[in-house]
C-alpha atoms as a PDB file:
ATOM      1  CA  ALA A   1       0.000   0.000   0.000  1.00  0.00           C
ATOM      2  CA  GLN A   2       2.901   2.386   0.727  1.00  0.00           C
ATOM      3  CA  GLN A   3       4.457   1.663  -2.662  1.00  0.00           C
ATOM      4  CA  GLY A   4       1.150   2.404  -4.417  1.00  0.00           C
ATOM      5  CA  ARG A   5       0.539  -1.022  -5.968  1.00  0.00           C
ATOM      6  CA  VAL A   6      -2.331  -1.837  -3.602  1.00  0.00           C
ATOM      7  CA  ARG A   7      -4.923   0.605  -2.281  1.00  0.00           C
ATOM      8  CA  GLU A   8      -6.337   0.609   1.209  1.00  0.00           C
ATOM      9  CA  LYS A   9      -9.798   1.659   2.424  1.00  0.00           C
ATOM     10  CA  VAL A  10     -10.729   1.861   6.096  1.00  0.00           C
ATOM     11  CA  TYR A  11     -14.296   1.043   7.223  1.00  0.00           C
ATOM     12  CA  GLY A  12     -14.424   1.550  10.987  1.00  0.00           C
ATOM     13  CA  LYS A  13     -12.070  -1.043  12.458  1.00  0.00           C
ATOM     14  CA  GLN A  14     -11.748  -2.945   9.181  1.00  0.00           C
ATOM     15  CA  LYS A  15      -9.277  -2.313   6.397  1.00  0.00           C
ATOM     16  CA  ILE A  16      -9.845  -3.493   2.849  1.00  0.00           C
ATOM     17  CA  TYR A  17      -6.977  -3.863   0.362  1.00  0.00           C
ATOM     18  CA  PHE A  18      -7.514  -4.047  -3.398  1.00  0.00           C
ATOM     19  CA  ALA A  19      -5.450  -3.659  -6.548  1.00  0.00           C
ATOM     20  CA  ASP A  20      -4.961  -0.121  -7.803  1.00  0.00           C
ATOM     21  CA  GLN A  21      -6.808  -0.097 -11.103  1.00  0.00           C
ATOM     22  CA  GLU A  22      -5.298   3.194 -12.190  1.00  0.00           C
ATOM     23  CA  GLN A  23      -1.997   1.421 -12.866  1.00  0.00           C
ATOM     24  CA  LEU A  24      -3.717  -1.053 -15.224  1.00  0.00           C
ATOM     25  CA  PRO A  25      -3.898  -0.119 -18.899  1.00  0.00           C
ATOM     26  CA  ALA A  26      -7.283   1.261 -19.975  1.00  0.00           C
ATOM     27  CA  ALA A  27      -9.209  -0.890 -22.412  1.00  0.00           C
ATOM     28  CA  SER A  28     -10.649   0.712 -25.517  1.00  0.00           C
ATOM     29  CA  ASP A  29     -14.336   0.471 -26.447  1.00  0.00           C
ATOM     30  CA  ALA A  30     -13.491  -1.950 -29.244  1.00  0.00           C
ATOM     31  CA  GLU A  31     -11.664  -4.235 -26.806  1.00  0.00           C
ATOM     32  CA  LEU A  32     -14.581  -4.053 -24.343  1.00  0.00           C
ATOM     33  CA  ARG A  33     -17.079  -4.931 -27.095  1.00  0.00           C
ATOM     34  CA  GLY A  34     -14.842  -7.800 -28.165  1.00  0.00           C
ATOM     35  CA  LEU A  35     -14.629  -9.080 -24.597  1.00  0.00           C
ATOM     36  CA  ASP A  36     -18.427  -8.712 -24.204  1.00  0.00           C
ATOM     37  CA  GLY A  37     -18.942 -10.719 -27.388  1.00  0.00           C
ATOM     38  CA  GLU A  38     -16.522 -13.355 -26.156  1.00  0.00           C
ATOM     39  CA  ILE A  39     -18.345 -13.511 -22.794  1.00  0.00           C
ATOM     40  CA  ALA A  40     -21.702 -13.901 -24.563  1.00  0.00           C
ATOM     41  CA  ALA A  41     -20.325 -16.662 -26.817  1.00  0.00           C
ATOM     42  CA  LEU A  42     -18.776 -18.499 -23.873  1.00  0.00           C
ATOM     43  CA  SER A  43     -22.005 -18.132 -21.829  1.00  0.00           C
ATOM     44  CA  ALA A  44     -24.015 -19.623 -24.707  1.00  0.00           C
ATOM     45  CA  LYS A  45     -21.490 -22.460 -24.964  1.00  0.00           C
ATOM     46  CA  VAL A  46     -21.752 -23.088 -21.198  1.00  0.00           C
ATOM     47  CA  GLN A  47     -25.569 -23.201 -21.395  1.00  0.00           C
ATOM     48  CA  ALA A  48     -25.442 -25.595 -24.341  1.00  0.00           C
ATOM     49  CA  LEU A  49     -23.004 -27.862 -22.465  1.00  0.00           C
ATOM     50  CA  GLN A  50     -25.153 -27.754 -19.319  1.00  0.00           C
ATOM     51  CA  GLN A  51     -28.256 -28.698 -21.343  1.00  0.00           C
ATOM     52  CA  SER A  52     -26.348 -31.527 -23.003  1.00  0.00           C
ATOM     53  CA  CYS A  53     -25.136 -32.687 -19.581  1.00  0.00           C
ATOM     54  CA  ARG A  54     -28.710 -32.696 -18.205  1.00  0.00           C
ATOM     55  CA  GLN A  55     -29.917 -34.733 -21.185  1.00  0.00           C
ATOM     56  CA  MET A  56     -27.097 -37.226 -20.774  1.00  0.00           C
ATOM     57  CA  GLU A  57     -27.774 -37.543 -17.014  1.00  0.00           C
ATOM     58  CA  ALA A  58     -31.477 -38.172 -17.721  1.00  0.00           C
ATOM     59  CA  GLU A  59     -30.545 -40.817 -20.301  1.00  0.00           C
ATOM     60  CA  LEU A  60     -28.121 -42.414 -17.834  1.00  0.00           C
ATOM     61  CA  LYS A  61     -30.812 -42.482 -15.158  1.00  0.00           C
ATOM     62  CA  ASP A  62     -33.239 -44.164 -17.585  1.00  0.00           C
ATOM     63  CA  LEU A  63     -30.629 -46.720 -18.584  1.00  0.00           C
ATOM     64  CA  ASN A  64     -29.699 -47.475 -14.962  1.00  0.00           C
ATOM     65  CA  SER A  65     -33.347 -48.010 -14.019  1.00  0.00           C
ATOM     66  CA  SER A  66     -34.100 -50.317 -16.960  1.00  0.00           C
ATOM     67  CA  MET A  67     -33.438 -54.060 -17.024  1.00  0.00           C
ATOM     68  CA  THR A  68     -30.198 -55.511 -18.307  1.00  0.00           C
ATOM     69  CA  THR A  69     -30.199 -58.081 -21.092  1.00  0.00           C
ATOM     70  CA  PRO A  70     -29.685 -61.096 -18.750  1.00  0.00           C
ATOM     71  CA  GLU A  71     -32.445 -59.839 -16.430  1.00  0.00           C
ATOM     72  CA  MET A  72     -34.739 -59.382 -19.419  1.00  0.00           C
ATOM     73  CA  ALA A  73     -33.967 -62.929 -20.620  1.00  0.00           C
ATOM     74  CA  ARG A  74     -34.798 -64.338 -17.150  1.00  0.00           C
ATOM     75  CA  GLU A  75     -38.035 -62.333 -17.039  1.00  0.00           C
ATOM     76  CA  ILE A  76     -39.051 -63.603 -20.499  1.00  0.00           C
ATOM     77  CA  GLU A  77     -38.310 -67.191 -19.443  1.00  0.00           C
ATOM     78  CA  GLU A  78     -40.414 -66.814 -16.276  1.00  0.00           C
ATOM     79  CA  LEU A  79     -43.290 -65.337 -18.276  1.00  0.00           C
ATOM     80  CA  ARG A  80     -43.109 -68.211 -20.762  1.00  0.00           C
ATOM     81  CA  LYS A  81     -43.275 -70.729 -17.896  1.00  0.00           C
ATOM     82  CA  ASP A  82     -46.269 -68.895 -16.418  1.00  0.00           C
ATOM     83  CA  CYS A  83     -47.953 -68.823 -19.816  1.00  0.00           C
ATOM     84  CA  ALA A  84     -47.396 -72.571 -20.282  1.00  0.00           C
ATOM     85  CA  THR A  85     -48.790 -73.262 -16.806  1.00  0.00           C
ATOM     86  CA  TYR A  86     -51.891 -71.163 -17.456  1.00  0.00           C
ATOM     87  CA  THR A  87     -52.391 -72.739 -20.891  1.00  0.00           C
ATOM     88  CA  GLU A  88     -52.227 -76.201 -19.339  1.00  0.00           C
ATOM     89  CA  LYS A  89     -54.660 -75.165 -16.587  1.00  0.00           C
ATOM     90  CA  LEU A  90     -57.059 -73.724 -19.183  1.00  0.00           C
ATOM     91  CA  GLY A  91     -56.880 -76.941 -21.176  1.00  0.00           C
ATOM     92  CA  ARG A  92     -57.738 -78.986 -18.081  1.00  0.00           C
ATOM     93  CA  ILE A  93     -60.668 -76.714 -17.279  1.00  0.00           C
ATOM     94  CA  LYS A  94     -62.007 -76.882 -20.835  1.00  0.00           C
ATOM     95  CA  SER A  95     -61.696 -80.658 -20.980  1.00  0.00           C
ATOM     96  CA  ALA A  96     -63.303 -81.228 -17.569  1.00  0.00           C
ATOM     97  CA  SER A  97     -66.553 -83.131 -17.729  1.00  0.00           C
ATOM     98  CA  ASN A  98     -67.980 -82.018 -14.387  1.00  0.00           C
ATOM     99  CA  HIS A  99     -69.372 -78.674 -15.498  1.00  0.00           C
ATOM    100  CA  VAL A 100     -72.237 -77.147 -13.541  1.00  0.00           C
ATOM    101  CA  THR A 101     -75.476 -77.037 -15.479  1.00  0.00           C
ATOM    102  CA  PRO A 102     -77.527 -73.824 -15.523  1.00  0.00           C
ATOM    103  CA  GLU A 103     -80.300 -75.610 -13.606  1.00  0.00           C
ATOM    104  CA  GLU A 104     -77.915 -76.627 -10.816  1.00  0.00           C
ATOM    105  CA  LYS A 105     -76.496 -73.110 -10.694  1.00  0.00           C
ATOM    106  CA  GLU A 106     -79.981 -71.583 -10.429  1.00  0.00           C
ATOM    107  CA  LYS A 107     -80.902 -74.061  -7.690  1.00  0.00           C
ATOM    108  CA  VAL A 108     -77.807 -73.121  -5.629  1.00  0.00           C
ATOM    109  CA  CYS A 109     -78.430 -69.382  -6.153  1.00  0.00           C
ATOM    110  CA  SER A 110     -82.072 -69.680  -5.085  1.00  0.00           C
ATOM    111  CA  GLU A 111     -81.033 -71.629  -1.968  1.00  0.00           C
ATOM    112  CA  GLN A 112     -78.503 -68.925  -1.134  1.00  0.00           C
ATOM    113  CA  ARG A 113     -81.167 -66.211  -1.497  1.00  0.00           C
ATOM    114  CA  LEU A 114     -83.504 -68.220   0.752  1.00  0.00           C
ATOM    115  CA  TYR A 115     -80.835 -68.696   3.439  1.00  0.00           C
ATOM    116  CA  CYS A 116     -79.828 -65.007   3.307  1.00  0.00           C
ATOM    117  CA  LYS A 117     -83.477 -63.984   3.660  1.00  0.00           C
ATOM    118  CA  GLU A 118     -83.854 -66.297   6.671  1.00  0.00           C
ATOM    119  CA  TRP A 119     -80.572 -64.954   8.143  1.00  0.00           C
ATOM    120  CA  ARG A 120     -81.861 -61.365   7.873  1.00  0.00           C
ATOM    121  CA  ARG A 121     -85.218 -62.310   9.416  1.00  0.00           C
ATOM    122  CA  ARG A 122     -83.625 -64.110  12.359  1.00  0.00           C
ATOM    123  CA  LYS A 123     -81.062 -61.349  12.890  1.00  0.00           C
ATOM    124  CA  ARG A 124     -83.864 -58.744  12.949  1.00  0.00           C
ATOM    125  CA  MET A 125     -85.863 -60.830  15.450  1.00  0.00           C
ATOM    126  CA  ALA A 126     -82.816 -61.314  17.699  1.00  0.00           C
ATOM    127  CA  THR A 127     -81.968 -57.596  17.549  1.00  0.00           C
ATOM    128  CA  GLU A 128     -85.525 -56.614  18.495  1.00  0.00           C
ATOM    129  CA  LEU A 129     -85.523 -59.100  21.379  1.00  0.00           C
ATOM    130  CA  LEU A 130     -82.148 -57.885  22.666  1.00  0.00           C
ATOM    131  CA  GLU A 131     -83.236 -54.239  22.439  1.00  0.00           C
ATOM    132  CA  ALA A 132     -86.339 -55.056  24.479  1.00  0.00           C
ATOM    133  CA  ILE A 133     -84.193 -56.738  27.154  1.00  0.00           C
ATOM    134  CA  LEU A 134     -81.662 -53.880  27.179  1.00  0.00           C
ATOM    135  CA  GLU A 135     -84.388 -51.285  27.882  1.00  0.00           C
ATOM    136  CA  GLY A 136     -84.590 -52.449  31.491  1.00  0.00           C
ATOM    137  CA  TYR A 137     -80.986 -53.666  31.855  1.00  0.00           C
ATOM    138  CA  PRO A 138     -78.805 -51.433  34.079  1.00  0.00           C
ATOM    139  CA  LYS A 139     -75.476 -52.118  32.314  1.00  0.00           C
ATOM    140  CA  SER A 140     -74.270 -51.363  28.792  1.00  0.00           C
ATOM    141  CA  LYS A 141     -75.068 -53.405  25.693  1.00  0.00           C
ATOM    142  CA  LYS A 142     -71.463 -54.612  25.460  1.00  0.00           C
ATOM    143  CA  GLN A 143     -71.448 -55.825  29.070  1.00  0.00           C
ATOM    144  CA  PHE A 144     -74.770 -57.624  28.547  1.00  0.00           C
ATOM    145  CA  PHE A 145     -73.441 -59.388  25.428  1.00  0.00           C
ATOM    146  CA  GLU A 146     -70.336 -60.446  27.360  1.00  0.00           C
ATOM    147  CA  GLU A 147     -72.305 -61.791  30.338  1.00  0.00           C
ATOM    148  CA  VAL A 148     -74.752 -63.740  28.192  1.00  0.00           C
ATOM    149  CA  GLY A 149     -72.080 -64.852  25.692  1.00  0.00           C
ATOM    150  CA  ILE A 150     -73.543 -63.322  22.535  1.00  0.00           C
ATOM    151  CA  GLU A 151     -71.238 -63.012  19.523  1.00  0.00           C
ATOM    152  CA  THR A 152     -72.267 -60.622  16.760  1.00  0.00           C
ATOM    153  CA  ASP A 153     -71.586 -60.748  13.034  1.00  0.00           C
ATOM    154  CA  GLU A 154     -69.654 -57.486  13.344  1.00  0.00           C
ATOM    155  CA  GLU A 155     -67.220 -58.977  15.892  1.00  0.00           C
ATOM    156  CA  HIS A 156     -66.268 -61.615  13.351  1.00  0.00           C
ATOM    157  CA  ASN A 157     -66.269 -59.235  10.347  1.00  0.00           C
ATOM    158  CA  VAL A 158     -69.145 -61.116   8.731  1.00  0.00           C
ATOM    159  CA  ALA A 159     -71.620 -59.264   6.536  1.00  0.00           C
ATOM    160  CA  LEU A 160     -74.781 -60.393   4.834  1.00  0.00           C
ATOM    161  CA  PRO A 161     -74.235 -60.933   1.124  1.00  0.00           C
ATOM    162  CA  ALA A 162     -75.911 -58.479  -1.207  1.00  0.00           C
ATOM    163  CA  VAL A 163     -79.002 -59.846  -2.932  1.00  0.00           C
END
């Protein structure tokens, strides 16, 4: 700083040293425009390289997440085995002689409807009876069910089938 090559500025207790720009040669307007053009060209080149880098990273990510050729061959082999198994199973089902006739199917469906209807009727009757008992019972419904030993459909996650 004493020789004049570096300048000093004092800000309170701090001192800042920086190069003396007056000793540097002054650049002409033509040089400045040339440097600005060079900066713009280099900035465009940097952006193009960054874009290319992003594309290549995306492509690398896609390639890393996809299957390799041996993995693909194993997958194809497994799918072929599955296909053969299902084809064989389909053949057995088609050739089976114990098919259910429409009459038998209708008979089973009508029996199911009858049993579901009876289930609903009996459940309704039991619910009405239990509600009548609980009107005069001093404890809660849950305690009553526990004392008597009643198990509900809801406790066992059982629901009436839709008709």
